[in-house]
């Protein structure tokens, strides 16, 4: 009887170990972008698109398993820093079955400084928290806060005009990448119009894989290249000083 029980225990332990061996893990460090020092933070994660799996960690590093093949969203928050949001894809795991994503946090910017910086013709700004379904132009619900921020800015400056610009990495064919980037820029434009902005204040252009900002040879570089950003093309003219 003891021999049978021991055998069953060994089989269960072996099965658990085999399952662990097949899991993909997300891991990374939380750092101050300026000093590169590790900082303690709260890391919240959830599976996409429905949030069936959620979790929360605390510390200057994180590690959690992908229990499904779905992508995960992580939100990192630390006292004295602006929060950051990332999308992690198990399909980008390395040879050690790890998706490595370090997070660099920026000090928060005051509203007045942010408005002044953003309100400059030619200024190009990334929509870092804009997430699409994989290889599609469907905007994930977790991106709605990012869209609302654009709406708020354009409502603050009612004569501001922007161009939405879509970009991809170099995987796939140039023709398909050009179409995907245009479709994603168009999807953002449509979402903003749905939120009440005038169509004439928004243009959309897809650049495909032609304007990378990082090395397409690495997972991190390709992730940075897959982006939608916007450029301010016109602004409210300065008001003339009142005559004494």
Protein backbone atom coordinates (compact mmCIF):
# COMPACT_ATOMS: atom_id res chain seq x y z
CA UNK A 1 0.00 0.00 0.00
CA UNK A 2 2.81 2.37 0.91
CA UNK A 3 4.58 1.52 -2.33
CA UNK A 4 1.43 2.37 -4.34
CA UNK A 5 0.95 5.67 -2.48
CA UNK A 6 4.58 6.60 -3.05
CA UNK A 7 4.21 5.82 -6.76
CA UNK A 8 1.10 8.00 -7.02
CA UNK A 9 2.87 10.84 -5.24
CA UNK A 10 5.84 10.52 -7.59
CA UNK A 11 3.53 10.60 -10.64
CA UNK A 12 1.72 13.69 -9.36
CA UNK A 13 5.01 15.46 -8.62
CA UNK A 14 6.36 14.57 -12.05
CA UNK A 15 3.20 15.84 -13.76
CA UNK A 16 3.42 19.13 -11.85
CA UNK A 17 7.08 19.54 -12.78
CA UNK A 18 6.33 18.80 -16.44
CA UNK A 19 3.55 21.41 -16.43
CA UNK A 20 5.93 23.98 -14.92
CA UNK A 21 8.50 23.18 -17.59
CA UNK A 22 6.03 24.02 -20.36
CA UNK A 23 4.89 27.35 -18.89
CA UNK A 24 6.08 30.67 -20.26
CA UNK A 25 6.98 33.32 -17.69
CA UNK A 26 6.91 37.11 -17.81
CA UNK A 27 9.62 38.83 -15.84
CA UNK A 28 11.44 42.13 -15.56
CA UNK A 29 12.81 44.91 -13.40
CA UNK A 30 11.22 48.21 -12.33
CA UNK A 31 13.66 51.10 -12.67
CA UNK A 32 13.96 54.85 -12.45
CA UNK A 33 14.36 55.88 -16.09
CA UNK A 34 16.77 58.68 -15.17
CA UNK A 35 19.07 56.91 -12.71
CA UNK A 36 18.44 53.26 -13.73
CA UNK A 37 18.07 52.38 -10.03
CA UNK A 38 15.59 49.70 -8.99
CA UNK A 39 12.47 51.10 -7.33
CA UNK A 40 9.65 49.37 -5.41
CA UNK A 41 6.33 49.34 -7.23
CA UNK A 42 2.93 47.70 -7.47
CA UNK A 43 2.59 45.52 -10.57
CA UNK A 44 -0.94 44.57 -11.61
CA UNK A 45 -1.53 42.16 -14.48
CA UNK A 46 -4.50 40.69 -16.33
CA UNK A 47 -5.04 38.50 -19.36
CA UNK A 48 -6.45 40.09 -22.51
CA UNK A 49 -9.00 40.77 -23.81
CA UNK A 50 -11.38 39.73 -21.01
CA UNK A 51 -9.28 39.79 -17.85
CA UNK A 52 -10.07 36.18 -16.92
CA UNK A 53 -6.74 35.94 -15.09
CA UNK A 54 -5.64 38.77 -12.79
CA UNK A 55 -2.89 39.21 -10.25
CA UNK A 56 -0.86 41.74 -8.30
CA UNK A 57 2.78 41.81 -7.19
CA UNK A 58 4.88 44.21 -5.14
CA UNK A 59 8.60 44.82 -5.46
CA UNK A 60 11.32 46.08 -7.77
CA UNK A 61 11.11 42.93 -9.93
CA UNK A 62 8.23 40.77 -11.13
CA UNK A 63 7.69 37.26 -12.42
CA UNK A 64 4.45 35.44 -13.23
CA UNK A 65 3.42 32.59 -15.54
CA UNK A 66 1.25 32.73 -18.64
CA UNK A 67 -1.37 30.07 -17.90
CA UNK A 68 -2.95 30.59 -21.34
CA UNK A 69 -1.74 31.70 -24.78
CA UNK A 70 -3.46 35.06 -24.33
CA UNK A 71 -1.53 38.30 -24.07
CA UNK A 72 -1.31 40.05 -20.72
CA UNK A 73 -1.43 43.71 -19.76
CA UNK A 74 0.67 44.96 -16.86
CA UNK A 75 0.25 48.28 -15.06
CA UNK A 76 3.17 49.48 -12.94
CA UNK A 77 2.68 52.14 -10.25
CA UNK A 78 5.27 53.63 -7.88
CA UNK A 79 5.12 56.60 -5.53
CA UNK A 80 6.62 59.70 -7.11
CA UNK A 81 6.48 58.34 -10.67
CA UNK A 82 4.04 58.40 -13.55
CA UNK A 83 2.34 54.98 -14.01
CA UNK A 84 3.25 52.81 -16.99
CA UNK A 85 1.30 50.23 -18.96
CA UNK A 86 2.71 47.43 -21.14
CA UNK A 87 1.34 44.55 -23.20
CA UNK A 88 3.19 41.21 -22.94
CA UNK A 89 2.83 38.55 -25.63
CA UNK A 90 3.75 34.91 -24.84
CA UNK A 91 4.44 34.47 -28.54
CA UNK A 92 7.55 36.64 -28.04
CA UNK A 93 9.14 34.31 -25.47
CA UNK A 94 12.86 33.70 -25.81
CA UNK A 95 14.66 30.34 -25.85
CA UNK A 96 14.35 30.12 -22.05
CA UNK A 97 10.54 30.44 -22.30
CA UNK A 98 10.63 33.94 -20.86
CA UNK A 99 9.08 37.23 -21.97
CA UNK A 100 11.48 39.79 -20.50
CA UNK A 101 10.22 43.36 -20.17
CA UNK A 102 12.01 45.86 -17.95
CA UNK A 103 9.90 48.88 -17.00
CA UNK A 104 11.44 52.35 -16.74
CA UNK A 105 9.27 54.87 -14.89
CA UNK A 106 9.33 58.62 -15.47
CA UNK A 107 8.81 61.30 -12.83
CA UNK A 108 5.32 62.80 -13.22
CA UNK A 109 4.99 65.93 -15.35
CA UNK A 110 2.84 68.81 -14.16
CA UNK A 111 -0.31 69.49 -16.17
CA UNK A 112 0.91 72.94 -17.20
CA UNK A 113 4.26 71.64 -18.45
CA UNK A 114 2.58 68.74 -20.29
CA UNK A 115 0.13 71.08 -22.01
CA UNK A 116 2.88 73.48 -23.06
CA UNK A 117 5.06 70.64 -24.37
CA UNK A 118 2.25 68.94 -26.24
CA UNK A 119 0.91 72.15 -27.75
CA UNK A 120 3.78 72.63 -30.21
CA UNK A 121 3.47 72.27 -33.98
CA UNK A 122 5.56 69.33 -35.17
CA UNK A 123 5.58 67.66 -31.75
CA UNK A 124 5.44 63.87 -32.13
CA UNK A 125 3.96 61.89 -29.24
CA UNK A 126 3.67 58.13 -28.76
CA UNK A 127 0.45 56.56 -27.54
CA UNK A 128 2.25 54.12 -25.22
CA UNK A 129 -0.92 52.72 -23.66
CA UNK A 130 -2.72 52.03 -26.93
CA UNK A 131 -3.15 48.29 -27.41
CA UNK A 132 -4.54 46.45 -30.45
CA UNK A 133 -5.60 42.87 -30.97
CA UNK A 134 -2.68 40.93 -32.41
CA UNK A 135 -2.18 41.62 -36.13
CA UNK A 136 -5.51 43.47 -36.22
CA UNK A 137 -6.80 47.04 -36.12
CA UNK A 138 -9.20 46.32 -33.25
CA UNK A 139 -8.52 48.60 -30.27
CA UNK A 140 -8.56 46.80 -26.92
CA UNK A 141 -10.88 48.26 -24.22
CA UNK A 142 -7.86 48.79 -21.96
CA UNK A 143 -6.80 51.56 -24.37
CA UNK A 144 -9.85 53.74 -23.82
CA UNK A 145 -8.17 55.85 -21.12
CA UNK A 146 -5.42 56.74 -23.59
CA UNK A 147 -8.01 57.83 -26.17
CA UNK A 148 -9.80 59.93 -23.56
CA UNK A 149 -6.56 61.80 -22.83
CA UNK A 150 -6.29 62.81 -26.49
CA UNK A 151 -9.89 63.99 -26.44
CA UNK A 152 -9.22 66.08 -23.33
CA UNK A 153 -6.18 67.71 -24.93
CA UNK A 154 -8.01 68.56 -28.14
CA UNK A 155 -10.97 69.92 -26.20
CA UNK A 156 -8.56 72.13 -24.26
CA UNK A 157 -7.17 73.46 -27.56
CA UNK A 158 -10.24 73.55 -29.85
CA UNK A 159 -8.25 74.63 -32.93
CA UNK A 160 -5.51 72.04 -32.62
CA UNK A 161 -5.13 69.66 -35.57
CA UNK A 162 -3.24 66.35 -35.36
CA UNK A 163 -2.13 63.57 -37.69
CA UNK A 164 -2.34 59.99 -36.39
CA UNK A 165 0.54 57.86 -37.67
CA UNK A 166 0.62 54.06 -37.67
CA UNK A 167 3.80 51.95 -37.71
CA UNK A 168 4.67 48.24 -37.64
CA UNK A 169 7.76 46.08 -37.19
CA UNK A 170 9.32 44.31 -40.18
CA UNK A 171 7.65 40.93 -39.77
CA UNK A 172 5.30 40.10 -42.62
CA UNK A 173 5.28 41.67 -46.07
CA UNK A 174 5.73 45.42 -46.61
CA UNK A 175 2.36 45.58 -48.38
CA UNK A 176 0.44 43.97 -45.51
CA UNK A 177 2.33 46.03 -42.94
CA UNK A 178 1.44 49.23 -44.79
CA UNK A 179 -2.23 48.24 -44.77
CA UNK A 180 -2.19 47.25 -41.08
CA UNK A 181 -0.55 50.52 -40.05
CA UNK A 182 -3.09 52.53 -42.05
CA UNK A 183 -6.00 50.51 -40.65
CA UNK A 184 -4.80 51.09 -37.09
CA UNK A 185 -4.36 54.83 -37.60
CA UNK A 186 -7.84 54.94 -39.16
CA UNK A 187 -9.25 52.97 -36.21
CA UNK A 188 -7.88 55.51 -33.73
CA UNK A 189 -9.27 58.38 -35.82
CA UNK A 190 -12.69 56.73 -35.90
CA UNK A 191 -12.62 56.14 -32.15
CA UNK A 192 -11.82 59.80 -31.50
CA UNK A 193 -14.59 60.98 -33.84
CA UNK A 194 -16.99 58.66 -32.00
CA UNK A 195 -15.99 60.48 -28.81
CA UNK A 196 -17.12 63.79 -30.26
CA UNK A 197 -14.09 65.26 -32.01
CA UNK A 198 -14.46 66.91 -35.42
CA UNK A 199 -13.26 64.79 -38.35
CA UNK A 200 -11.53 67.78 -39.92
CA UNK A 201 -9.12 68.02 -36.98
CA UNK A 202 -7.85 64.47 -37.45
CA UNK A 203 -5.92 62.87 -40.28
CA UNK A 204 -4.48 59.35 -40.38
CA UNK A 205 -1.49 57.94 -42.22
CA UNK A 206 0.14 54.51 -42.18
CA UNK A 207 3.90 54.17 -42.65
CA UNK A 208 4.12 50.40 -42.40
CA UNK A 209 7.62 49.22 -41.47
CA UNK A 210 9.45 52.14 -43.10
CA UNK A 211 10.09 54.30 -40.00
CA UNK A 212 11.50 52.09 -37.21
CA UNK A 213 12.64 53.66 -33.95
CA UNK A 214 14.42 50.54 -32.66
CA UNK A 215 16.23 47.44 -33.87
CA UNK A 216 13.86 44.91 -35.45
CA UNK A 217 16.27 42.09 -34.56
CA UNK A 218 15.06 41.97 -30.93
CA UNK A 219 11.62 41.38 -29.41
CA UNK A 220 11.89 44.62 -27.45
CA UNK A 221 12.81 46.56 -30.57
CA UNK A 222 9.96 45.12 -32.59
CA UNK A 223 7.51 45.96 -29.81
CA UNK A 224 8.68 49.58 -29.82
CA UNK A 225 8.30 49.75 -33.59
CA UNK A 226 4.67 48.57 -33.43
CA UNK A 227 3.09 51.85 -32.46
CA UNK A 228 0.59 54.59 -33.23
CA UNK A 229 1.68 58.13 -32.52
CA UNK A 230 0.35 61.55 -33.35
CA UNK A 231 1.91 64.74 -34.62
CA UNK A 232 0.52 68.20 -34.01
CA UNK A 233 0.16 69.87 -37.40
CA UNK A 234 -1.56 73.10 -36.35
CA UNK A 235 -2.32 74.96 -33.15
CA UNK A 236 -4.31 77.81 -31.72
CA UNK A 237 -2.64 81.13 -32.57
CA UNK A 238 -1.32 83.17 -29.69
CA UNK A 239 -3.72 85.83 -28.47
CA UNK A 240 -2.48 89.41 -29.06
CA UNK A 241 -1.62 91.37 -25.95
CA UNK A 242 -4.31 93.79 -24.86
CA UNK A 243 -3.54 97.41 -25.67
CA UNK A 244 -3.18 99.67 -22.63
